[in-house]
Structures are given as C-alpha cells and as structure tokens.
C-alpha cells in the first residue's frame, strides 16, 4: 500500500510519497530535482522573506537547484555549495561532518579555500530544501563560522517535524512527520 501526503506550499500542490525511516517513523519525500515550477516558485517566495545577506550556501545536493535559482533571481554572481567530499580541484579544504535523517551514514561536508575567502567577513545565508533535525544546518554553520563568515539566517522551503517550531529559521511551509499508518505525528 502506497501512502502519500498532499503538500501545499507557495501556492503549489504536490503529493509526496511517505518513506520509512524506521519502524516508528515515516517522512514525506520532498524532492525538488526536476520540478522546475517548484524550484522557481519556492526561490521567489524565499527571496521575499530573506534577511539581508552577501552570499548564500547550501549542502550538496538537493538544495543546489534552489540555491542556483535564488542566485539567478536575485542577480547574485556567486553562491557556495558545501560538497559531500573533496574534489581534485578543491584546495585548502575546510571540512565538517553531518548525520542527516535521510542518509544512513555520517557524511563529510567540505568547502575550498576560495569558498572560505568568499565568506570571510560576509553575511552568509544558509539555504536548504528541508530543515528537519537541523544537523545539516549546524554543519554549514560550523563551516561558515570557522572561516570567519557571519550567519545572516537559515532558510528552507519546508521545516519538518519539530523544526517548524524553531524561531531561528524562515520557511515556506511546515512538513509533518508520520506514524507507520500514515497519520501525522502531532
């Protein structure tokens, strides 16, 4: 039996499949990859509520299309993606680690020295598709702080579960967590 959740966000409706995290917890899978309408619309709405910032950062990978579109719409000429592992072209690495609810194992996030310099002394806006446990945001905050950037704010399209009660993030809509029978956890 396939279960879904009808999401209403930024004037759009999407039916999200529920996916098992463990025997007591299911999450609604919000994937913006390939959904141009959602990406463009969410970027526009997030920019309306964004605090002042100089540069934006996201973690690889689902936040990349959103961040790119926000940069395009705002006229920014640069944004930063914290990669899940070092690449040959990356010099002077800064790294941290994250345990995400949607990934089974601990992940590395890293930025290059060039990205570090782009954030040093700047107001950095952290952007993601979904904030749930906050672990990815915390890892990005660590990277930003370590290189001398200042956190301008934290934003996401959706705040999942208890994240919706946080007052330090801006988001477009809440996303509940679910019991195994598909009912929302309140």
C-alpha atoms as a PDB file:
ATOM      1  CA  UNK A   1       0.000   0.000   0.000  1.00  0.00           C
ATOM      2  CA  UNK A   2       1.461   3.331  -1.083  1.00  0.00           C
ATOM      3  CA  UNK A   3       0.850   6.311   1.206  1.00  0.00           C
ATOM      4  CA  UNK A   4       1.198   9.959   0.233  1.00  0.00           C
ATOM      5  CA  UNK A   5       0.928  13.383   1.826  1.00  0.00           C
ATOM      6  CA  UNK A   6      -0.632  16.310  -0.012  1.00  0.00           C
ATOM      7  CA  UNK A   7       1.697  19.272   0.414  1.00  0.00           C
ATOM      8  CA  UNK A   8       0.550  22.845  -0.144  1.00  0.00           C
ATOM      9  CA  UNK A   9       3.468  25.286  -0.460  1.00  0.00           C
ATOM     10  CA  UNK A  10       3.881  28.627  -2.231  1.00  0.00           C
ATOM     11  CA  UNK A  11       0.538  28.183  -3.997  1.00  0.00           C
ATOM     12  CA  UNK A  12       1.533  24.779  -5.392  1.00  0.00           C
ATOM     13  CA  UNK A  13       0.283  21.296  -4.536  1.00  0.00           C
ATOM     14  CA  UNK A  14       2.411  18.171  -4.562  1.00  0.00           C
ATOM     15  CA  UNK A  15       1.634  14.590  -3.468  1.00  0.00           C
ATOM     16  CA  UNK A  16       4.672  13.304  -1.611  1.00  0.00           C
ATOM     17  CA  UNK A  17       5.295   9.586  -1.055  1.00  0.00           C
ATOM     18  CA  UNK A  18       5.784   8.530   2.559  1.00  0.00           C
ATOM     19  CA  UNK A  19       9.076   6.725   3.166  1.00  0.00           C
ATOM     20  CA  UNK A  20      10.037   4.535   6.104  1.00  0.00           C
ATOM     21  CA  UNK A  21      12.863   5.854   8.299  1.00  0.00           C
ATOM     22  CA  UNK A  22      12.402   3.177  10.973  1.00  0.00           C
ATOM     23  CA  UNK A  23       9.550   1.079  12.421  1.00  0.00           C
ATOM     24  CA  UNK A  24       8.012   4.093  14.178  1.00  0.00           C
ATOM     25  CA  UNK A  25       8.755   6.924  11.752  1.00  0.00           C
ATOM     26  CA  UNK A  26       7.935   7.815   8.165  1.00  0.00           C
ATOM     27  CA  UNK A  27       8.795  11.026   6.311  1.00  0.00           C
ATOM     28  CA  UNK A  28       7.265  12.640   3.245  1.00  0.00           C
ATOM     29  CA  UNK A  29       9.819  12.663   0.422  1.00  0.00           C
ATOM     30  CA  UNK A  30      10.151  16.220  -0.898  1.00  0.00           C
ATOM     31  CA  UNK A  31      12.473  16.156  -3.908  1.00  0.00           C
ATOM     32  CA  UNK A  32      12.840  19.327  -5.950  1.00  0.00           C
ATOM     33  CA  UNK A  33      15.136  17.750  -8.560  1.00  0.00           C
ATOM     34  CA  UNK A  34      13.404  18.056 -11.904  1.00  0.00           C
ATOM     35  CA  UNK A  35      10.493  20.116 -10.538  1.00  0.00           C
ATOM     36  CA  UNK A  36      11.210  23.422 -12.258  1.00  0.00           C
ATOM     37  CA  UNK A  37       7.912  25.012 -11.245  1.00  0.00           C
ATOM     38  CA  UNK A  38       8.511  24.278  -7.553  1.00  0.00           C
ATOM     39  CA  UNK A  39      12.140  25.392  -7.707  1.00  0.00           C
ATOM     40  CA  UNK A  40      11.372  28.720  -9.390  1.00  0.00           C
ATOM     41  CA  UNK A  41       8.338  29.449  -7.216  1.00  0.00           C
ATOM     42  CA  UNK A  42       9.992  28.489  -3.926  1.00  0.00           C
ATOM     43  CA  UNK A  43      13.083  30.570  -4.760  1.00  0.00           C
ATOM     44  CA  UNK A  44      10.903  33.603  -5.472  1.00  0.00           C
ATOM     45  CA  UNK A  45       8.980  33.221  -2.211  1.00  0.00           C
ATOM     46  CA  UNK A  46      12.099  32.601  -0.103  1.00  0.00           C
ATOM     47  CA  UNK A  47      13.764  35.720  -1.506  1.00  0.00           C
ATOM     48  CA  UNK A  48      10.751  37.744  -0.333  1.00  0.00           C
ATOM     49  CA  UNK A  49      11.416  36.736   3.292  1.00  0.00           C
ATOM     50  CA  UNK A  50      15.217  36.509   3.208  1.00  0.00           C
ATOM     51  CA  UNK A  51      17.205  38.630   5.666  1.00  0.00           C
ATOM     52  CA  UNK A  52      19.982  40.843   4.282  1.00  0.00           C
ATOM     53  CA  UNK A  53      22.937  38.723   3.127  1.00  0.00           C
ATOM     54  CA  UNK A  54      26.068  38.894   0.992  1.00  0.00           C
ATOM     55  CA  UNK A  55      26.394  35.294  -0.204  1.00  0.00           C
ATOM     56  CA  UNK A  56      24.420  32.029   0.098  1.00  0.00           C
ATOM     57  CA  UNK A  57      25.499  28.475   0.903  1.00  0.00           C
ATOM     58  CA  UNK A  58      23.827  25.054   0.768  1.00  0.00           C
ATOM     59  CA  UNK A  59      24.885  21.461   1.288  1.00  0.00           C
ATOM     60  CA  UNK A  60      25.202  19.156  -1.688  1.00  0.00           C
ATOM     61  CA  UNK A  61      22.843  18.071  -3.250  1.00  0.00           C
ATOM     62  CA  UNK A  62      19.077  18.674  -3.067  1.00  0.00           C
ATOM     63  CA  UNK A  63      19.480  22.353  -2.179  1.00  0.00           C
ATOM     64  CA  UNK A  64      21.608  23.127  -5.246  1.00  0.00           C
ATOM     65  CA  UNK A  65      18.824  23.838  -7.781  1.00  0.00           C
ATOM     66  CA  UNK A  66      17.034  26.015  -5.227  1.00  0.00           C
ATOM     67  CA  UNK A  67      20.170  27.990  -4.375  1.00  0.00           C
ATOM     68  CA  UNK A  68      21.027  28.424  -8.049  1.00  0.00           C
ATOM     69  CA  UNK A  69      17.559  29.761  -8.789  1.00  0.00           C
ATOM     70  CA  UNK A  70      17.659  32.105  -5.788  1.00  0.00           C
ATOM     71  CA  UNK A  71      21.014  33.438  -7.013  1.00  0.00           C
ATOM     72  CA  UNK A  72      19.686  33.829 -10.559  1.00  0.00           C
ATOM     73  CA  UNK A  73      16.545  35.672  -9.450  1.00  0.00           C
ATOM     74  CA  UNK A  74      18.435  37.941  -7.046  1.00  0.00           C
ATOM     75  CA  UNK A  75      21.172  38.771  -9.541  1.00  0.00           C
ATOM     76  CA  UNK A  76      23.929  37.221  -7.408  1.00  0.00           C
ATOM     77  CA  UNK A  77      27.102  36.276  -9.248  1.00  0.00           C
ATOM     78  CA  UNK A  78      28.231  33.610  -6.772  1.00  0.00           C
ATOM     79  CA  UNK A  79      26.982  31.024  -4.297  1.00  0.00           C
ATOM     80  CA  UNK A  80      28.652  28.222  -2.387  1.00  0.00           C
ATOM     81  CA  UNK A  81      27.938  24.507  -2.300  1.00  0.00           C
ATOM     82  CA  UNK A  82      29.455  22.501   0.547  1.00  0.00           C
ATOM     83  CA  UNK A  83      30.465  19.288  -1.192  1.00  0.00           C
ATOM     84  CA  UNK A  84      29.987  15.800   0.283  1.00  0.00           C
ATOM     85  CA  UNK A  85      33.646  15.040  -0.346  1.00  0.00           C
ATOM     86  CA  UNK A  86      36.792  16.712  -1.606  1.00  0.00           C
ATOM     87  CA  UNK A  87      37.312  17.103  -5.338  1.00  0.00           C
ATOM     88  CA  UNK A  88      40.672  17.279  -7.095  1.00  0.00           C
ATOM     89  CA  UNK A  89      40.213  20.949  -7.924  1.00  0.00           C
ATOM     90  CA  UNK A  90      39.494  21.931  -4.307  1.00  0.00           C
ATOM     91  CA  UNK A  91      42.477  23.464  -2.464  1.00  0.00           C
ATOM     92  CA  UNK A  92      42.872  24.408   1.216  1.00  0.00           C
ATOM     93  CA  UNK A  93      39.885  22.369   2.400  1.00  0.00           C
ATOM     94  CA  UNK A  94      37.707  23.149   5.397  1.00  0.00           C
ATOM     95  CA  UNK A  95      35.622  20.158   6.489  1.00  0.00           C
ATOM     96  CA  UNK A  96      32.968  19.131   8.979  1.00  0.00           C
ATOM     97  CA  UNK A  97      30.661  16.137   9.382  1.00  0.00           C
ATOM     98  CA  UNK A  98      26.897  15.678   9.480  1.00  0.00           C
ATOM     99  CA  UNK A  99      24.398  12.933  10.325  1.00  0.00           C
ATOM    100  CA  UNK A 100      21.256  13.541   8.278  1.00  0.00           C
ATOM    101  CA  UNK A 101      17.872  11.883   8.827  1.00  0.00           C
ATOM    102  CA  UNK A 102      17.705  10.947   5.125  1.00  0.00           C
ATOM    103  CA  UNK A 103      21.169   9.373   4.929  1.00  0.00           C
ATOM    104  CA  UNK A 104      22.254   6.153   6.625  1.00  0.00           C
ATOM    105  CA  UNK A 105      25.852   7.101   7.361  1.00  0.00           C
ATOM    106  CA  UNK A 106      27.796  10.117   8.536  1.00  0.00           C
ATOM    107  CA  UNK A 107      28.695  12.499   5.712  1.00  0.00           C
ATOM    108  CA  UNK A 108      31.524  14.927   5.193  1.00  0.00           C
ATOM    109  CA  UNK A 109      30.844  18.478   4.050  1.00  0.00           C
ATOM    110  CA  UNK A 110      33.741  20.487   2.685  1.00  0.00           C
ATOM    111  CA  UNK A 111      34.489  23.803   1.043  1.00  0.00           C
ATOM    112  CA  UNK A 112      37.584  25.087  -0.687  1.00  0.00           C
ATOM    113  CA  UNK A 113      39.843  27.933   0.356  1.00  0.00           C
ATOM    114  CA  UNK A 114      38.320  30.011  -2.449  1.00  0.00           C
ATOM    115  CA  UNK A 115      34.846  29.486  -0.940  1.00  0.00           C
ATOM    116  CA  UNK A 116      36.237  30.288   2.503  1.00  0.00           C
ATOM    117  CA  UNK A 117      37.570  33.612   1.253  1.00  0.00           C
ATOM    118  CA  UNK A 118      34.209  34.388  -0.377  1.00  0.00           C
ATOM    119  CA  UNK A 119      32.529  34.048   3.043  1.00  0.00           C
ATOM    120  CA  UNK A 120      35.165  35.681   5.263  1.00  0.00           C
ATOM    121  CA  UNK A 121      33.672  38.759   6.908  1.00  0.00           C
ATOM    122  CA  UNK A 122      30.444  38.343   4.905  1.00  0.00           C
ATOM    123  CA  UNK A 123      26.809  37.773   5.904  1.00  0.00           C
ATOM    124  CA  UNK A 124      26.105  34.200   4.811  1.00  0.00           C
ATOM    125  CA  UNK A 125      22.583  32.910   4.211  1.00  0.00           C
ATOM    126  CA  UNK A 126      22.191  29.157   4.742  1.00  0.00           C
ATOM    127  CA  UNK A 127      19.594  27.652   2.372  1.00  0.00           C
ATOM    128  CA  UNK A 128      18.242  24.105   2.129  1.00  0.00           C
ATOM    129  CA  UNK A 129      15.217  22.347   0.698  1.00  0.00           C
ATOM    130  CA  UNK A 130      14.098  20.882   4.047  1.00  0.00           C
ATOM    131  CA  UNK A 131      15.266  21.504   7.598  1.00  0.00           C
ATOM    132  CA  UNK A 132      14.390  18.587   9.858  1.00  0.00           C
ATOM    133  CA  UNK A 133      16.784  17.682  12.656  1.00  0.00           C
ATOM    134  CA  UNK A 134      18.919  20.722  11.874  1.00  0.00           C
ATOM    135  CA  UNK A 135      22.109  18.661  11.550  1.00  0.00           C
ATOM    136  CA  UNK A 136      22.891  19.878   8.014  1.00  0.00           C
ATOM    137  CA  UNK A 137      22.289  23.482   9.034  1.00  0.00           C
ATOM    138  CA  UNK A 138      24.527  23.028  12.080  1.00  0.00           C
ATOM    139  CA  UNK A 139      27.310  21.602   9.900  1.00  0.00           C
ATOM    140  CA  UNK A 140      27.024  24.530   7.491  1.00  0.00           C
ATOM    141  CA  UNK A 141      27.090  26.961  10.418  1.00  0.00           C
ATOM    142  CA  UNK A 142      30.311  25.323  11.599  1.00  0.00           C
ATOM    143  CA  UNK A 143      31.929  25.793   8.184  1.00  0.00           C
ATOM    144  CA  UNK A 144      30.782  29.408   7.916  1.00  0.00           C
ATOM    145  CA  UNK A 145      31.946  30.295  11.417  1.00  0.00           C
ATOM    146  CA  UNK A 146      35.310  28.536  11.059  1.00  0.00           C
ATOM    147  CA  UNK A 147      36.208  30.638   8.018  1.00  0.00           C
ATOM    148  CA  UNK A 148      35.087  33.946   9.516  1.00  0.00           C
ATOM    149  CA  UNK A 149      31.658  34.306   7.959  1.00  0.00           C
ATOM    150  CA  UNK A 150      28.637  35.628   9.867  1.00  0.00           C
ATOM    151  CA  UNK A 151      25.339  33.734   9.798  1.00  0.00           C
ATOM    152  CA  UNK A 152      22.764  36.048   8.199  1.00  0.00           C
ATOM    153  CA  UNK A 153      19.971  33.496   8.524  1.00  0.00           C
ATOM    154  CA  UNK A 154      18.721  29.992   7.863  1.00  0.00           C
ATOM    155  CA  UNK A 155      16.050  29.249   5.257  1.00  0.00           C
ATOM    156  CA  UNK A 156      14.279  26.274   3.746  1.00  0.00           C
ATOM    157  CA  UNK A 157      11.254  25.547   1.644  1.00  0.00           C
ATOM    158  CA  UNK A 158       9.970  23.221   4.373  1.00  0.00           C
ATOM    159  CA  UNK A 159      10.510  22.801   8.113  1.00  0.00           C
ATOM    160  CA  UNK A 160       9.914  19.182   9.050  1.00  0.00           C
ATOM    161  CA  UNK A 161       8.610  17.962  12.393  1.00  0.00           C
ATOM    162  CA  UNK A 162       9.872  19.931  15.396  1.00  0.00           C
ATOM    163  CA  UNK A 163      11.903  22.245  13.143  1.00  0.00           C
ATOM    164  CA  UNK A 164       8.638  24.056  12.333  1.00  0.00           C
ATOM    165  CA  UNK A 165       8.608  25.364  15.924  1.00  0.00           C
ATOM    166  CA  UNK A 166      12.095  26.871  15.663  1.00  0.00           C
ATOM    167  CA  UNK A 167      12.249  30.659  15.659  1.00  0.00           C
ATOM    168  CA  UNK A 168      15.718  30.852  14.087  1.00  0.00           C
ATOM    169  CA  UNK A 169      14.705  29.613  10.627  1.00  0.00           C
ATOM    170  CA  UNK A 170      12.492  31.014   7.909  1.00  0.00           C
ATOM    171  CA  UNK A 171      10.487  28.604   5.794  1.00  0.00           C
ATOM    172  CA  UNK A 172       7.503  28.498   3.458  1.00  0.00           C
ATOM    173  CA  UNK A 173       5.527  25.607   4.968  1.00  0.00           C
ATOM    174  CA  UNK A 174       5.676  23.006   7.729  1.00  0.00           C
ATOM    175  CA  UNK A 175       6.021  19.321   6.871  1.00  0.00           C
ATOM    176  CA  UNK A 176       4.821  16.790   9.452  1.00  0.00           C
ATOM    177  CA  UNK A 177       6.484  13.532  10.371  1.00  0.00           C
ATOM    178  CA  UNK A 178       4.303  10.415  10.151  1.00  0.00           C
ATOM    179  CA  UNK A 179       3.318   7.302  12.048  1.00  0.00           C
ATOM    180  CA  UNK A 180       3.618   3.970  10.170  1.00  0.00           C
ATOM    181  CA  UNK A 181      -0.109   4.150   9.347  1.00  0.00           C
ATOM    182  CA  UNK A 182       0.404   7.465   7.532  1.00  0.00           C
ATOM    183  CA  UNK A 183      -1.158   9.728  10.156  1.00  0.00           C
ATOM    184  CA  UNK A 184       0.799  12.865  11.052  1.00  0.00           C
ATOM    185  CA  UNK A 185       2.723  12.937  14.313  1.00  0.00           C
ATOM    186  CA  UNK A 186       1.474  15.951  16.212  1.00  0.00           C
END
